[in-house]
Each structure stands twice: as C-alpha cells, then as structure tokens.
Amino acid sequence: MNTPEMILEKLYKDYPALEKNREDIKKAFDILFKCAEDGAFVYCCGNGGSAADSEHITGELMKGFILKRPLPPEEKARFKGIENGDEIANKLQKGIRCISLVSQSGLISAFANDIDPSLVYAQQVYAYAKSSNDVLIALSTSGNSLNVVNAVKAAKAAGIKALSITGEKESKLSAISDVTIKLPTSVTYEVQELTLPVYHALCAAVEAAIFGKDE
C-alpha cells in the first residue's frame, strides 16, 4: 500500500514541473489531513472547468478512491435489525466529508437573483462552516474569480482554512489564502490539466493517511 509520501513523490516524478510546488502541496496535504482526521468538512468551488473539478474532488473524497474504505464492525452493527441491513452495511464506504458548492442550483440561482451573484459561494461557506478544521478548496485558473475570492473572504471570516489552486501569477487568491498552489503556467487549459493530477494526488494521499492502516 502506498504511503502519502510515496503518492506525492510519484506526482513529482510524473509531472516534474510541479517540483517547484512541493512545499505548498505538502502544506495543502497537512491541512486536508487534519480536516479529515477531525471529521470536519471540505468545501469546493470554482467556475466552468473548475466547477467540474469541484465535483470531481467531492467524488474522490466521499467514497473509496484507491482504497475500499469498508465500514468498521462497530458501524456495520448499527444496521442490525434493519431490512437488508447487512447488505447495505457491506456496500457502504467510509467517506471524507466534502461538499461541492457548485451543485446547489436552487440556492445558487435564488441567491444570485435575489441578492448578489458574486456571493453565491460565500453564502454557502459562511453558513456551512462550523469547525475550525473545515477547509475551503478554491479553484481559479486566474486566481481572481470574484465569486471564488469572496468565498475565501467568507472562509477567513468564519475562521476556517482556505486552500487555493491557481495559475502561476500572484493573484487575489494567493494574497488571502492560507496556502496557494500556483501551478507553473498561466495558460488556462494548461492550469486545468495540472490541477487534476494535483488534487488526485492530494485525495489519494489523504485517503492513504486516514484509511491505509485498515488495508
């Protein structure tokens, strides 16, 4: 079974350009691991391709990604006496709590129409964030998307960490986030192409740290 360290080293081997991001990727892992270990929530947001990445990250965290993550016996026992309980318990998996803020079309459209479209993610972050170990993953290739920047501002006000993934230039997100992984390009599609292996590695590394001992 691969350790978190092995997973991240493979990332740098496969994508040598990311070597310059090593320190920030490690900081991102530490923040996400603490969040998952505490049972806190990860929130993800972005626009366009970054919105799709928000959904993708949520999918990797909320169910088994590389590992199977079976329920432990004490949790399976909760299904005793429920019709088909054993079957359900054997198929369910442990999750790392994650919410894609881009998914809630009713809330987003209502808030955008009634109040301010630039605050649709900020509203969710501020309403959801309760634990100091919650984390917002903010995705923006430019680092300057207004609704994503406002989400980070809400995260700061709520007292939670903000992890941003952007292109290589300094930006509004890099100025206010706790950690910013500034990928080594400013070309939008190239930033997106590097964003995927970074969050795949982070999701796999956190999964290994939390659930690897059960394998």
Foldseek 3Di string as FASTA:
>chain_A
DDALVRLVVVLCVVPVLLPVLVVLLVVVLVLLLVCQVVLHEEEEEDDDLSLVVLVVLQVPFAAPNPDHAQDDPVVLVVQPPPVCSNVVNRRGHHGRHYYYLVPPVVQQVCCVVPPNNLQSLLVVLLVRDDDLSYEYEQEDQAQERRSSLSNLVSCVVSNHAYEYEYAQDDHSNNVRHPGYRHRDDSPRVVSSVSVVSSSVSSSVNSCCVVCVVVD
